Structure formats: structure tokens, C-alpha cells
Amino acid sequence: MNLHKHEHHKTHYRGHISSFHKHSAYIQTKLTCEDCGKIFETMSGKNRHVLRCHSNATCKICQICNKRCENQSSLRVHLARHSDERPYKCSVCGQTYKHQHQLNRHRNVSKKCQTLTNLN
């Protein structure tokens, strides 16, 4: 295999592989989690995932759908998907959200709510 000079650098090589060989059978097999089927761009990403999500020491399992989460916090975020509860409410427009970060994003993006907040 004749690689150009700049492709010898690890970063360029990884970029080349992910861009041009991403869908090859070898890459998909090598970078697919055997436990859940998730596909990764790098071997280190796959290894990190396996340690976090499939290690019995830290793994938390959803009692509703058996999804494995890497920690209690991730499980709590995941469990909101199964609930209709929306405890985070915009004080300006009344829009509700399942997660605090969604309300924060709404406050930052919503021109209507920003304008009404500035008028008060």
C-alpha cells in the first residue's frame, strides 16, 4: 500500500480510513460492539464504550427496556424517555421539558422569551 507522505501522520491516516473505508466490511466488523451492535469510528471509542457500558462493575440497566447505561446519571437521563413527566418549565412562555439542559437551550434560542424577559 503506497501512502502519500502526509498520510503517514496518524491523524491524516485515521481521517482517510474513516472517510474512504468507513463502510467496508472489515471496518464495520472490527469497530462494531459485539454486545449491542453499536458501530464506532475508532477502536479506542469502541474500547471506551465496552468498558463503560458493558462492564458489570459500573453498568446500570434500565428495568423497562434493559438498555445498559454507563452510570446512574446516564440511566436517570435515559429513564426520562419512558416518562411523560416534564418538570422543567419556562417561566415566560410555559413550555415544558424533560431535562434542564433542554430548558436552558430554549432560553438561549427562543427570541420570543428573550424579548419578553428583557421587557420585564
PDB file of N, CA and C in Angstrom:
ATOM      1  N   MET A   1       0.851  -1.173   0.000  1.00  0.00           N
ATOM      2  CA  MET A   1       0.000   0.000   0.000  1.00  0.00           C
ATOM      3  C   MET A   1       0.895   1.233   0.000  1.00  0.00           C
ATOM      4  N   ASN A   2       0.741   2.098  -0.973  1.00  0.00           N
ATOM      5  CA  ASN A   2       1.582   3.275  -1.114  1.00  0.00           C
ATOM      6  C   ASN A   2       0.829   4.501  -0.607  1.00  0.00           C
ATOM      7  N   LEU A   3       1.162   4.949   0.584  1.00  0.00           N
ATOM      8  CA  LEU A   3       0.512   6.124   1.156  1.00  0.00           C
ATOM      9  C   LEU A   3       1.319   7.369   0.837  1.00  0.00           C
ATOM     10  N   HIS A   4       0.635   8.455   0.582  1.00  0.00           N
ATOM     11  CA  HIS A   4       1.334   9.723   0.382  1.00  0.00           C
ATOM     12  C   HIS A   4       2.015  10.118   1.680  1.00  0.00           C
ATOM     13  N   LYS A   5       3.002  10.985   1.565  1.00  0.00           N
ATOM     14  CA  LYS A   5       3.811  11.395   2.711  1.00  0.00           C
ATOM     15  C   LYS A   5       2.951  11.901   3.879  1.00  0.00           C
ATOM     16  N   HIS A   6       2.015  12.811   3.597  1.00  0.00           N
ATOM     17  CA  HIS A   6       1.213  13.393   4.679  1.00  0.00           C
ATOM     18  C   HIS A   6       0.273  12.375   5.318  1.00  0.00           C
ATOM     19  N   GLU A   7      -0.039  11.298   4.619  1.00  0.00           N
ATOM     20  CA  GLU A   7      -0.942  10.301   5.178  1.00  0.00           C
ATOM     21  C   GLU A   7      -0.253   9.386   6.178  1.00  0.00           C
ATOM     22  N   HIS A   8       1.053   9.496   6.282  1.00  0.00           N
ATOM     23  CA  HIS A   8       1.756   8.704   7.287  1.00  0.00           C
ATOM     24  C   HIS A   8       1.439   9.209   8.691  1.00  0.00           C
ATOM     25  N   HIS A   9       1.097  10.465   8.782  1.00  0.00           N
ATOM     26  CA  HIS A   9       0.749  11.010  10.088  1.00  0.00           C
ATOM     27  C   HIS A   9      -0.542  10.340  10.556  1.00  0.00           C
ATOM     28  N   LYS A  10      -0.559   9.940  11.812  1.00  0.00           N
ATOM     29  CA  LYS A  10      -1.669   9.179  12.368  1.00  0.00           C
ATOM     30  C   LYS A  10      -3.033   9.846  12.146  1.00  0.00           C
ATOM     31  N   THR A  11      -3.106  11.137  12.391  1.00  0.00           N
ATOM     32  CA  THR A  11      -4.378  11.851  12.266  1.00  0.00           C
ATOM     33  C   THR A  11      -4.897  11.803  10.841  1.00  0.00           C
ATOM     34  N   HIS A  12      -4.022  12.066   9.899  1.00  0.00           N
ATOM     35  CA  HIS A  12      -4.436  12.031   8.495  1.00  0.00           C
ATOM     36  C   HIS A  12      -4.845  10.619   8.089  1.00  0.00           C
ATOM     37  N   TYR A  13      -4.118   9.652   8.589  1.00  0.00           N
ATOM     38  CA  TYR A  13      -4.420   8.262   8.254  1.00  0.00           C
ATOM     39  C   TYR A  13      -5.800   7.874   8.781  1.00  0.00           C
ATOM     40  N   ARG A  14      -6.072   8.240  10.041  1.00  0.00           N
ATOM     41  CA  ARG A  14      -7.383   7.940  10.622  1.00  0.00           C
ATOM     42  C   ARG A  14      -8.493   8.618   9.829  1.00  0.00           C
ATOM     43  N   GLY A  15      -8.251   9.885   9.467  1.00  0.00           N
ATOM     44  CA  GLY A  15      -9.237  10.608   8.670  1.00  0.00           C
ATOM     45  C   GLY A  15      -9.480   9.933   7.335  1.00  0.00           C
ATOM     46  N   HIS A  16      -8.406   9.486   6.709  1.00  0.00           N
ATOM     47  CA  HIS A  16      -8.512   8.784   5.426  1.00  0.00           C
ATOM     48  C   HIS A  16      -9.331   7.504   5.588  1.00  0.00           C
ATOM     49  N   ILE A  17      -9.015   6.739   6.604  1.00  0.00           N
ATOM     50  CA  ILE A  17      -9.725   5.476   6.842  1.00  0.00           C
ATOM     51  C   ILE A  17     -11.209   5.736   7.087  1.00  0.00           C
ATOM     52  N   SER A  18     -11.522   6.706   7.977  1.00  0.00           N
ATOM     53  CA  SER A  18     -12.928   6.940   8.296  1.00  0.00           C
ATOM     54  C   SER A  18     -13.686   7.535   7.116  1.00  0.00           C
ATOM     55  N   SER A  19     -13.011   8.307   6.266  1.00  0.00           N
ATOM     56  CA  SER A  19     -13.682   8.907   5.114  1.00  0.00           C
ATOM     57  C   SER A  19     -13.886   7.934   3.965  1.00  0.00           C
ATOM     58  N   PHE A  20     -12.851   7.184   3.635  1.00  0.00           N
ATOM     59  CA  PHE A  20     -12.892   6.369   2.431  1.00  0.00           C
ATOM     60  C   PHE A  20     -13.197   4.893   2.664  1.00  0.00           C
ATOM     61  N   HIS A  21     -13.016   4.423   3.884  1.00  0.00           N
ATOM     62  CA  HIS A  21     -13.215   2.998   4.138  1.00  0.00           C
ATOM     63  C   HIS A  21     -14.237   2.745   5.242  1.00  0.00           C
ATOM     64  N   LYS A  22     -14.999   3.768   5.590  1.00  0.00           N
ATOM     65  CA  LYS A  22     -15.939   3.687   6.701  1.00  0.00           C
ATOM     66  C   LYS A  22     -16.937   2.531   6.552  1.00  0.00           C
ATOM     67  N   HIS A  23     -17.383   2.280   5.354  1.00  0.00           N
ATOM     68  CA  HIS A  23     -18.434   1.288   5.160  1.00  0.00           C
ATOM     69  C   HIS A  23     -17.914  -0.083   4.728  1.00  0.00           C
ATOM     70  N   SER A  24     -16.619  -0.243   4.726  1.00  0.00           N
ATOM     71  CA  SER A  24     -16.090  -1.548   4.328  1.00  0.00           C
ATOM     72  C   SER A  24     -16.448  -2.587   5.387  1.00  0.00           C
ATOM     73  N   ALA A  25     -16.601  -3.816   4.966  1.00  0.00           N
ATOM     74  CA  ALA A  25     -16.986  -4.900   5.877  1.00  0.00           C
ATOM     75  C   ALA A  25     -15.968  -5.069   6.992  1.00  0.00           C
ATOM     76  N   TYR A  26     -14.673  -4.917   6.677  1.00  0.00           N
ATOM     77  CA  TYR A  26     -13.627  -5.080   7.688  1.00  0.00           C
ATOM     78  C   TYR A  26     -13.787  -4.047   8.791  1.00  0.00           C
ATOM     79  N   ILE A  27     -13.940  -2.789   8.410  1.00  0.00           N
ATOM     80  CA  ILE A  27     -14.054  -1.717   9.406  1.00  0.00           C
ATOM     81  C   ILE A  27     -15.310  -1.921  10.240  1.00  0.00           C
ATOM     82  N   GLN A  28     -16.430  -2.229   9.610  1.00  0.00           N
ATOM     83  CA  GLN A  28     -17.664  -2.410  10.368  1.00  0.00           C
ATOM     84  C   GLN A  28     -17.557  -3.582  11.338  1.00  0.00           C
ATOM     85  N   THR A  29     -16.922  -4.656  10.937  1.00  0.00           N
ATOM     86  CA  THR A  29     -16.763  -5.809  11.818  1.00  0.00           C
ATOM     87  C   THR A  29     -15.828  -5.479  12.964  1.00  0.00           C
ATOM     88  N   LYS A  30     -14.715  -4.847  12.656  1.00  0.00           N
ATOM     89  CA  LYS A  30     -13.691  -4.532  13.647  1.00  0.00           C
ATOM     90  C   LYS A  30     -14.185  -3.506  14.668  1.00  0.00           C
ATOM     91  N   LEU A  31     -15.023  -2.572  14.236  1.00  0.00           N
ATOM     92  CA  LEU A  31     -15.431  -1.477  15.102  1.00  0.00           C
ATOM     93  C   LEU A  31     -16.888  -1.575  15.548  1.00  0.00           C
ATOM     94  N   THR A  32     -17.448  -2.753  15.530  1.00  0.00           N
ATOM     95  CA  THR A  32     -18.813  -2.969  15.987  1.00  0.00           C
ATOM     96  C   THR A  32     -18.784  -3.652  17.348  1.00  0.00           C
ATOM     97  N   CYS A  33     -19.547  -3.115  18.295  1.00  0.00           N
ATOM     98  CA  CYS A  33     -19.634  -3.719  19.621  1.00  0.00           C
ATOM     99  C   CYS A  33     -20.351  -5.063  19.506  1.00  0.00           C
ATOM    100  N   GLU A  34     -19.718  -6.103  19.993  1.00  0.00           N
ATOM    101  CA  GLU A  34     -20.292  -7.445  19.918  1.00  0.00           C
ATOM    102  C   GLU A  34     -21.522  -7.592  20.807  1.00  0.00           C
ATOM    103  N   ASP A  35     -21.616  -6.763  21.853  1.00  0.00           N
ATOM    104  CA  ASP A  35     -22.726  -6.871  22.799  1.00  0.00           C
ATOM    105  C   ASP A  35     -23.998  -6.173  22.334  1.00  0.00           C
ATOM    106  N   CYS A  36     -23.860  -4.977  21.726  1.00  0.00           N
ATOM    107  CA  CYS A  36     -25.060  -4.208  21.384  1.00  0.00           C
ATOM    108  C   CYS A  36     -25.147  -3.803  19.918  1.00  0.00           C
ATOM    109  N   GLY A  37     -24.097  -4.037  19.138  1.00  0.00           N
ATOM    110  CA  GLY A  37     -24.137  -3.730  17.713  1.00  0.00           C
ATOM    111  C   GLY A  37     -23.811  -2.298  17.334  1.00  0.00           C
ATOM    112  N   LYS A  38     -23.503  -1.458  18.310  1.00  0.00           N
ATOM    113  CA  LYS A  38     -23.161  -0.067  18.020  1.00  0.00           C
ATOM    114  C   LYS A  38     -21.844  -0.021  17.239  1.00  0.00           C
ATOM    115  N   ILE A  39     -21.776   0.854  16.215  1.00  0.00           N
ATOM    116  CA  ILE A  39     -20.585   0.963  15.370  1.00  0.00           C
ATOM    117  C   ILE A  39     -19.807   2.218  15.746  1.00  0.00           C
ATOM    118  N   PHE A  40     -18.485   2.099  15.798  1.00  0.00           N
ATOM    119  CA  PHE A  40     -17.608   3.191  16.211  1.00  0.00           C
ATOM    120  C   PHE A  40     -16.652   3.590  15.106  1.00  0.00           C
ATOM    121  N   GLU A  41     -16.185   4.831  15.165  1.00  0.00           N
ATOM    122  CA  GLU A  41     -15.224   5.324  14.181  1.00  0.00           C
ATOM    123  C   GLU A  41     -13.802   4.916  14.532  1.00  0.00           C
ATOM    124  N   THR A  42     -13.522   4.718  15.821  1.00  0.00           N
ATOM    125  CA  THR A  42     -12.169   4.351  16.239  1.00  0.00           C
ATOM    126  C   THR A  42     -12.221   3.167  17.198  1.00  0.00           C
ATOM    127  N   MET A  43     -11.141   2.435  17.251  1.00  0.00           N
ATOM    128  CA  MET A  43     -11.037   1.306  18.172  1.00  0.00           C
ATOM    129  C   MET A  43     -11.054   1.805  19.614  1.00  0.00           C
ATOM    130  N   SER A  44     -10.424   2.952  19.868  1.00  0.00           N
ATOM    131  CA  SER A  44     -10.416   3.485  21.236  1.00  0.00           C
ATOM    132  C   SER A  44     -11.833   3.859  21.671  1.00  0.00           C
ATOM    133  N   GLY A  45     -12.636   4.378  20.756  1.00  0.00           N
ATOM    134  CA  GLY A  45     -14.029   4.685  21.078  1.00  0.00           C
ATOM    135  C   GLY A  45     -14.812   3.429  21.416  1.00  0.00           C
ATOM    136  N   LYS A  46     -14.577   2.380  20.651  1.00  0.00           N
ATOM    137  CA  LYS A  46     -15.240   1.099  20.919  1.00  0.00           C
ATOM    138  C   LYS A  46     -14.805   0.551  22.275  1.00  0.00           C
ATOM    139  N   ASN A  47     -13.498   0.583  22.544  1.00  0.00           N
ATOM    140  CA  ASN A  47     -12.985   0.066  23.819  1.00  0.00           C
ATOM    141  C   ASN A  47     -13.541   0.844  25.003  1.00  0.00           C
ATOM    142  N   ARG A  48     -13.604   2.170  24.883  1.00  0.00           N
ATOM    143  CA  ARG A  48     -14.155   3.017  25.948  1.00  0.00           C
ATOM    144  C   ARG A  48     -15.627   2.656  26.181  1.00  0.00           C
ATOM    145  N   HIS A  49     -16.380   2.479  25.096  1.00  0.00           N
ATOM    146  CA  HIS A  49     -17.789   2.101  25.181  1.00  0.00           C
ATOM    147  C   HIS A  49     -17.957   0.765  25.909  1.00  0.00           C
ATOM    148  N   VAL A  50     -17.161  -0.224  25.536  1.00  0.00           N
ATOM    149  CA  VAL A  50     -17.266  -1.551  26.150  1.00  0.00           C
ATOM    150  C   VAL A  50     -16.993  -1.468  27.648  1.00  0.00           C
ATOM    151  N   LEU A  51     -15.970  -0.707  28.038  1.00  0.00           N
ATOM    152  CA  LEU A  51     -15.661  -0.560  29.464  1.00  0.00           C
ATOM    153  C   LEU A  51     -16.782   0.147  30.212  1.00  0.00           C
ATOM    154  N   ARG A  52     -17.315   1.204  29.610  1.00  0.00           N
ATOM    155  CA  ARG A  52     -18.342   1.995  30.291  1.00  0.00           C
ATOM    156  C   ARG A  52     -19.708   1.329  30.291  1.00  0.00           C
ATOM    157  N   CYS A  53     -20.075   0.717  29.185  1.00  0.00           N
ATOM    158  CA  CYS A  53     -21.446   0.233  29.034  1.00  0.00           C
ATOM    159  C   CYS A  53     -21.645  -1.254  29.280  1.00  0.00           C
ATOM    160  N   HIS A  54     -20.601  -2.026  29.160  1.00  0.00           N
ATOM    161  CA  HIS A  54     -20.779  -3.466  29.287  1.00  0.00           C
ATOM    162  C   HIS A  54     -19.961  -4.080  30.418  1.00  0.00           C
ATOM    163  N   SER A  55     -19.328  -3.233  31.208  1.00  0.00           N
ATOM    164  CA  SER A  55     -18.598  -3.704  32.375  1.00  0.00           C
ATOM    165  C   SER A  55     -19.585  -3.819  33.527  1.00  0.00           C
ATOM    166  N   ASN A  56     -19.677  -4.970  34.124  1.00  0.00           N
ATOM    167  CA  ASN A  56     -20.640  -5.185  35.207  1.00  0.00           C
ATOM    168  C   ASN A  56     -20.362  -4.323  36.426  1.00  0.00           C
ATOM    169  N   ALA A  57     -19.138  -3.851  36.576  1.00  0.00           N
ATOM    170  CA  ALA A  57     -18.781  -3.049  37.747  1.00  0.00           C
ATOM    171  C   ALA A  57     -19.502  -1.707  37.754  1.00  0.00           C
ATOM    172  N   THR A  58     -19.619  -1.058  36.602  1.00  0.00           N
ATOM    173  CA  THR A  58     -20.210   0.281  36.564  1.00  0.00           C
ATOM    174  C   THR A  58     -21.532   0.335  35.820  1.00  0.00           C
ATOM    175  N   CYS A  59     -21.907  -0.704  35.144  1.00  0.00           N
ATOM    176  CA  CYS A  59     -23.082  -0.716  34.282  1.00  0.00           C
ATOM    177  C   CYS A  59     -24.381  -0.615  35.089  1.00  0.00           C
ATOM    178  N   LYS A  60     -25.282   0.252  34.621  1.00  0.00           N
ATOM    179  CA  LYS A  60     -26.624   0.378  35.195  1.00  0.00           C
ATOM    180  C   LYS A  60     -27.610  -0.024  34.109  1.00  0.00           C
ATOM    181  N   ILE A  61     -28.581  -0.863  34.445  1.00  0.00           N
ATOM    182  CA  ILE A  61     -29.507  -1.394  33.451  1.00  0.00           C
ATOM    183  C   ILE A  61     -30.911  -0.851  33.686  1.00  0.00           C
ATOM    184  N   CYS A  62     -31.521  -0.351  32.610  1.00  0.00           N
ATOM    185  CA  CYS A  62     -32.895   0.139  32.667  1.00  0.00           C
ATOM    186  C   CYS A  62     -33.828  -1.048  32.896  1.00  0.00           C
ATOM    187  N   GLN A  63     -34.673  -0.954  33.902  1.00  0.00           N
ATOM    188  CA  GLN A  63     -35.594  -2.041  34.235  1.00  0.00           C
ATOM    189  C   GLN A  63     -36.761  -2.128  33.258  1.00  0.00           C
ATOM    190  N   ILE A  64     -36.936  -1.089  32.425  1.00  0.00           N
ATOM    191  CA  ILE A  64     -38.042  -1.070  31.467  1.00  0.00           C
ATOM    192  C   ILE A  64     -37.652  -1.711  30.136  1.00  0.00           C
ATOM    193  N   CYS A  65     -36.488  -1.333  29.600  1.00  0.00           N
ATOM    194  CA  CYS A  65     -36.104  -1.809  28.258  1.00  0.00           C
ATOM    195  C   CYS A  65     -34.767  -2.551  28.223  1.00  0.00           C
ATOM    196  N   ASN A  66     -34.131  -2.707  29.377  1.00  0.00           N
ATOM    197  CA  ASN A  66     -32.836  -3.400  29.502  1.00  0.00           C
ATOM    198  C   ASN A  66     -31.663  -2.678  28.849  1.00  0.00           C
ATOM    199  N   LYS A  67     -31.825  -1.407  28.511  1.00  0.00           N
ATOM    200  CA  LYS A  67     -30.694  -0.640  27.970  1.00  0.00           C
ATOM    201  C   LYS A  67     -29.638  -0.517  29.054  1.00  0.00           C
ATOM    202  N   ARG A  68     -28.381  -0.679  28.644  1.00  0.00           N
ATOM    203  CA  ARG A  68     -27.265  -0.548  29.578  1.00  0.00           C
ATOM    204  C   ARG A  68     -26.757   0.887  29.531  1.00  0.00           C
ATOM    205  N   CYS A  69     -26.617   1.499  30.692  1.00  0.00           N
ATOM    206  CA  CYS A  69     -26.099   2.861  30.793  1.00  0.00           C
ATOM    207  C   CYS A  69     -24.797   2.825  31.579  1.00  0.00           C
ATOM    208  N   GLU A  70     -23.909   3.741  31.261  1.00  0.00           N
ATOM    209  CA  GLU A  70     -22.577   3.685  31.858  1.00  0.00           C
ATOM    210  C   GLU A  70     -22.542   4.095  33.321  1.00  0.00           C
ATOM    211  N   ASN A  71     -23.534   4.852  33.791  1.00  0.00           N
ATOM    212  CA  ASN A  71     -23.565   5.250  35.197  1.00  0.00           C
ATOM    213  C   ASN A  71     -24.987   5.637  35.593  1.00  0.00           C
ATOM    214  N   GLN A  72     -25.177   5.946  36.864  1.00  0.00           N
ATOM    215  CA  GLN A  72     -26.504   6.272  37.388  1.00  0.00           C
ATOM    216  C   GLN A  72     -27.067   7.533  36.739  1.00  0.00           C
ATOM    217  N   SER A  73     -26.207   8.500  36.496  1.00  0.00           N
ATOM    218  CA  SER A  73     -26.650   9.745  35.871  1.00  0.00           C
ATOM    219  C   SER A  73     -27.182   9.494  34.459  1.00  0.00           C
ATOM    220  N   SER A  74     -26.469   8.690  33.682  1.00  0.00           N
ATOM    221  CA  SER A  74     -26.920   8.350  32.324  1.00  0.00           C
ATOM    222  C   SER A  74     -28.236   7.577  32.368  1.00  0.00           C
ATOM    223  N   LEU A  75     -28.378   6.709  33.343  1.00  0.00           N
ATOM    224  CA  LEU A  75     -29.621   5.951  33.487  1.00  0.00           C
ATOM    225  C   LEU A  75     -30.780   6.892  33.804  1.00  0.00           C
ATOM    226  N   ARG A  76     -30.551   7.859  34.673  1.00  0.00           N
ATOM    227  CA  ARG A  76     -31.594   8.821  35.036  1.00  0.00           C
ATOM    228  C   ARG A  76     -32.060   9.605  33.798  1.00  0.00           C
ATOM    229  N   VAL A  77     -31.107  10.046  32.981  1.00  0.00           N
ATOM    230  CA  VAL A  77     -31.445  10.755  31.741  1.00  0.00           C
ATOM    231  C   VAL A  77     -32.230   9.825  30.814  1.00  0.00           C
ATOM    232  N   HIS A  78     -31.780   8.580  30.691  1.00  0.00           N
ATOM    233  CA  HIS A  78     -32.463   7.610  29.834  1.00  0.00           C
ATOM    234  C   HIS A  78     -33.892   7.354  30.316  1.00  0.00           C
ATOM    235  N   LEU A  79     -34.093   7.212  31.621  1.00  0.00           N
ATOM    236  CA  LEU A  79     -35.415   6.901  32.166  1.00  0.00           C
ATOM    237  C   LEU A  79     -36.450   7.968  31.829  1.00  0.00           C
ATOM    238  N   ALA A  80     -36.007   9.197  31.620  1.00  0.00           N
ATOM    239  CA  ALA A  80     -36.934  10.265  31.243  1.00  0.00           C
ATOM    240  C   ALA A  80     -37.613   9.956  29.909  1.00  0.00           C
ATOM    241  N   ARG A  81     -36.965   9.173  29.060  1.00  0.00           N
ATOM    242  CA  ARG A  81     -37.564   8.781  27.773  1.00  0.00           C
ATOM    243  C   ARG A  81     -38.837   7.957  27.980  1.00  0.00           C
ATOM    244  N   HIS A  82     -38.886   7.218  29.064  1.00  0.00           N
ATOM    245  CA  HIS A  82     -40.032   6.352  29.330  1.00  0.00           C
ATOM    246  C   HIS A  82     -41.147   7.090  30.074  1.00  0.00           C
ATOM    247  N   SER A  83     -40.905   8.317  30.475  1.00  0.00           N
ATOM    248  CA  SER A  83     -41.856   9.069  31.289  1.00  0.00           C
ATOM    249  C   SER A  83     -42.468  10.219  30.493  1.00  0.00           C
ATOM    250  N   ASP A  84     -43.693  10.563  30.838  1.00  0.00           N
ATOM    251  CA  ASP A  84     -44.340  11.735  30.239  1.00  0.00           C
ATOM    252  C   ASP A  84     -44.116  12.980  31.090  1.00  0.00           C
ATOM    253  N   GLU A  85     -43.462  12.809  32.228  1.00  0.00           N
ATOM    254  CA  GLU A  85     -43.210  13.927  33.134  1.00  0.00           C
ATOM    255  C   GLU A  85     -42.274  14.949  32.480  1.00  0.00           C
ATOM    256  N   ARG A  86     -42.638  16.234  32.605  1.00  0.00           N
ATOM    257  CA  ARG A  86     -41.842  17.327  32.042  1.00  0.00           C
ATOM    258  C   ARG A  86     -41.716  18.403  33.136  1.00  0.00           C
ATOM    259  N   PRO A  87     -40.818  18.192  34.079  1.00  0.00           N
ATOM    260  CA  PRO A  87     -40.745  19.057  35.257  1.00  0.00           C
ATOM    261  C   PRO A  87     -40.094  20.428  35.043  1.00  0.00           C
ATOM    262  N   TYR A  88     -39.467  20.662  33.904  1.00  0.00           N
ATOM    263  CA  TYR A  88     -38.759  21.925  33.680  1.00  0.00           C
ATOM    264  C   TYR A  88     -39.604  22.830  32.796  1.00  0.00           C
ATOM    265  N   LYS A  89     -40.027  23.973  33.368  1.00  0.00           N
ATOM    266  CA  LYS A  89     -40.981  24.855  32.694  1.00  0.00           C
ATOM    267  C   LYS A  89     -40.407  26.252  32.501  1.00  0.00           C
ATOM    268  N   CYS A  90     -40.579  26.790  31.302  1.00  0.00           N
ATOM    269  CA  CYS A  90     -40.159  28.159  31.012  1.00  0.00           C
ATOM    270  C   CYS A  90     -41.117  29.104  31.727  1.00  0.00           C
ATOM    271  N   SER A  91     -40.578  30.004  32.526  1.00  0.00           N
ATOM    272  CA  SER A  91     -41.411  30.941  33.284  1.00  0.00           C
ATOM    273  C   SER A  91     -42.022  32.021  32.399  1.00  0.00           C
ATOM    274  N   VAL A  92     -41.534  32.157  31.176  1.00  0.00           N
ATOM    275  CA  VAL A  92     -42.042  33.185  30.267  1.00  0.00           C
ATOM    276  C   VAL A  92     -43.186  32.659  29.402  1.00  0.00           C
ATOM    277  N   CYS A  93     -42.978  31.535  28.714  1.00  0.00           N
ATOM    278  CA  CYS A  93     -43.989  31.042  27.765  1.00  0.00           C
ATOM    279  C   CYS A  93     -44.718  29.787  28.241  1.00  0.00           C
ATOM    280  N   GLY A  94     -44.225  29.142  29.294  1.00  0.00           N
ATOM    281  CA  GLY A  94     -44.889  27.960  29.826  1.00  0.00           C
ATOM    282  C   GLY A  94     -44.512  26.644  29.169  1.00  0.00           C
ATOM    283  N   GLN A  95     -43.640  26.680  28.176  1.00  0.00           N
ATOM    284  CA  GLN A  95     -43.185  25.451  27.505  1.00  0.00           C
ATOM    285  C   GLN A  95     -42.491  24.558  28.538  1.00  0.00           C
ATOM    286  N   THR A  96     -42.744  23.244  28.476  1.00  0.00           N
ATOM    287  CA  THR A  96     -42.156  22.318  29.449  1.00  0.00           C
ATOM    288  C   THR A  96     -41.188  21.352  28.771  1.00  0.00           C
ATOM    289  N   TYR A  97     -40.248  20.852  29.579  1.00  0.00           N
ATOM    290  CA  TYR A  97     -39.187  19.982  29.072  1.00  0.00           C
ATOM    291  C   TYR A  97     -38.897  18.861  30.060  1.00  0.00           C
ATOM    292  N   LYS A  98     -38.344  17.771  29.538  1.00  0.00           N
ATOM    293  CA  LYS A  98     -37.968  16.632  30.373  1.00  0.00           C
ATOM    294  C   LYS A  98     -36.647  16.858  31.087  1.00  0.00           C
ATOM    295  N   HIS A  99     -35.766  17.667  30.496  1.00  0.00           N
ATOM    296  CA  HIS A  99     -34.424  17.853  31.042  1.00  0.00           C
ATOM    297  C   HIS A  99     -34.088  19.336  31.187  1.00  0.00           C
ATOM    298  N   GLN A 100     -33.300  19.649  32.206  1.00  0.00           N
ATOM    299  CA  GLN A 100     -32.870  21.023  32.458  1.00  0.00           C
ATOM    300  C   GLN A 100     -32.114  21.598  31.258  1.00  0.00           C
ATOM    301  N   HIS A 101     -31.248  20.799  30.632  1.00  0.00           N
ATOM    302  CA  HIS A 101     -30.472  21.319  29.503  1.00  0.00           C
ATOM    303  C   HIS A 101     -31.365  21.710  28.328  1.00  0.00           C
ATOM    304  N   GLN A 102     -32.528  21.061  28.188  1.00  0.00           N
ATOM    305  CA  GLN A 102     -33.455  21.433  27.118  1.00  0.00           C
ATOM    306  C   GLN A 102     -34.079  22.797  27.404  1.00  0.00           C
ATOM    307  N   LEU A 103     -34.426  23.039  28.666  1.00  0.00           N
ATOM    308  CA  LEU A 103     -34.961  24.347  29.054  1.00  0.00           C
ATOM    309  C   LEU A 103     -33.899  25.425  28.875  1.00  0.00           C
ATOM    310  N   ASN A 104     -32.671  25.132  29.258  1.00  0.00           N
ATOM    311  CA  ASN A 104     -31.584  26.108  29.088  1.00  0.00           C
ATOM    312  C   ASN A 104     -31.396  26.460  27.618  1.00  0.00           C
ATOM    313  N   ARG A 105     -31.425  25.455  26.747  1.00  0.00           N
ATOM    314  CA  ARG A 105     -31.278  25.700  25.307  1.00  0.00           C
ATOM    315  C   ARG A 105     -32.440  26.556  24.801  1.00  0.00           C
ATOM    316  N   HIS A 106     -33.667  26.260  25.264  1.00  0.00           N
ATOM    317  CA  HIS A 106     -34.846  27.039  24.889  1.00  0.00           C
ATOM    318  C   HIS A 106     -34.661  28.505  25.278  1.00  0.00           C
ATOM    319  N   ARG A 107     -34.191  28.735  26.487  1.00  0.00           N
ATOM    320  CA  ARG A 107     -33.981  30.115  26.951  1.00  0.00           C
ATOM    321  C   ARG A 107     -32.951  30.848  26.098  1.00  0.00           C
ATOM    322  N   ASN A 108     -31.927  30.130  25.660  1.00  0.00           N
ATOM    323  CA  ASN A 108     -30.874  30.750  24.850  1.00  0.00           C
ATOM    324  C   ASN A 108     -31.295  30.977  23.404  1.00  0.00           C
ATOM    325  N   VAL A 109     -32.187  30.136  22.884  1.00  0.00           N
ATOM    326  CA  VAL A 109     -32.541  30.186  21.463  1.00  0.00           C
ATOM    327  C   VAL A 109     -33.833  30.951  21.197  1.00  0.00           C
ATOM    328  N   SER A 110     -34.795  30.871  22.101  1.00  0.00           N
ATOM    329  CA  SER A 110     -36.109  31.464  21.865  1.00  0.00           C
ATOM    330  C   SER A 110     -36.054  32.989  21.907  1.00  0.00           C
ATOM    331  N   LYS A 111     -36.205  33.608  20.753  1.00  0.00           N
ATOM    332  CA  LYS A 111     -36.201  35.080  20.656  1.00  0.00           C
ATOM    333  C   LYS A 111     -37.400  35.659  21.400  1.00  0.00           C
ATOM    334  N   LYS A 112     -38.551  34.992  21.298  1.00  0.00           N
ATOM    335  CA  LYS A 112     -39.767  35.465  21.946  1.00  0.00           C
ATOM    336  C   LYS A 112     -39.569  35.574  23.458  1.00  0.00           C
ATOM    337  N   CYS A 113     -39.032  34.511  24.058  1.00  0.00           N
ATOM    338  CA  CYS A 113     -38.846  34.504  25.508  1.00  0.00           C
ATOM    339  C   CYS A 113     -37.756  35.479  25.935  1.00  0.00           C
ATOM    340  N   GLN A 114     -36.716  35.625  25.131  1.00  0.00           N
ATOM    341  CA  GLN A 114     -35.653  36.586  25.452  1.00  0.00           C
ATOM    342  C   GLN A 114     -36.200  38.004  25.428  1.00  0.00           C
ATOM    343  N   THR A 115     -37.033  38.305  24.432  1.00  0.00           N
ATOM    344  CA  THR A 115     -37.620  39.643  24.311  1.00  0.00           C
ATOM    345  C   THR A 115     -38.536  39.931  25.489  1.00  0.00           C
ATOM    346  N   LEU A 116     -39.402  38.977  25.836  1.00  0.00           N
ATOM    347  CA  LEU A 116     -40.323  39.169  26.953  1.00  0.00           C
ATOM    348  C   LEU A 116     -39.582  39.287  28.278  1.00  0.00           C
ATOM    349  N   THR A 117     -38.502  38.545  28.448  1.00  0.00           N
ATOM    350  CA  THR A 117     -37.701  38.623  29.668  1.00  0.00           C
ATOM    351  C   THR A 117     -37.061  39.998  29.788  1.00  0.00           C
ATOM    352  N   ASN A 118     -36.552  40.528  28.689  1.00  0.00           N
ATOM    353  CA  ASN A 118     -35.902  41.842  28.704  1.00  0.00           C
ATOM    354  C   ASN A 118     -36.888  42.967  28.966  1.00  0.00           C
ATOM    355  N   LEU A 119     -38.167  42.797  28.596  1.00  0.00           N
ATOM    356  CA  LEU A 119     -39.181  43.820  28.836  1.00  0.00           C
ATOM    357  C   LEU A 119     -39.553  43.898  30.311  1.00  0.00           C
ATOM    358  N   ASN A 120     -39.426  42.777  31.015  1.00  0.00           N
ATOM    359  CA  ASN A 120     -39.792  42.740  32.444  1.00  0.00           C
ATOM    360  C   ASN A 120     -38.702  43.314  33.224  1.00  0.00           C
TER     361      ASN A 120
END
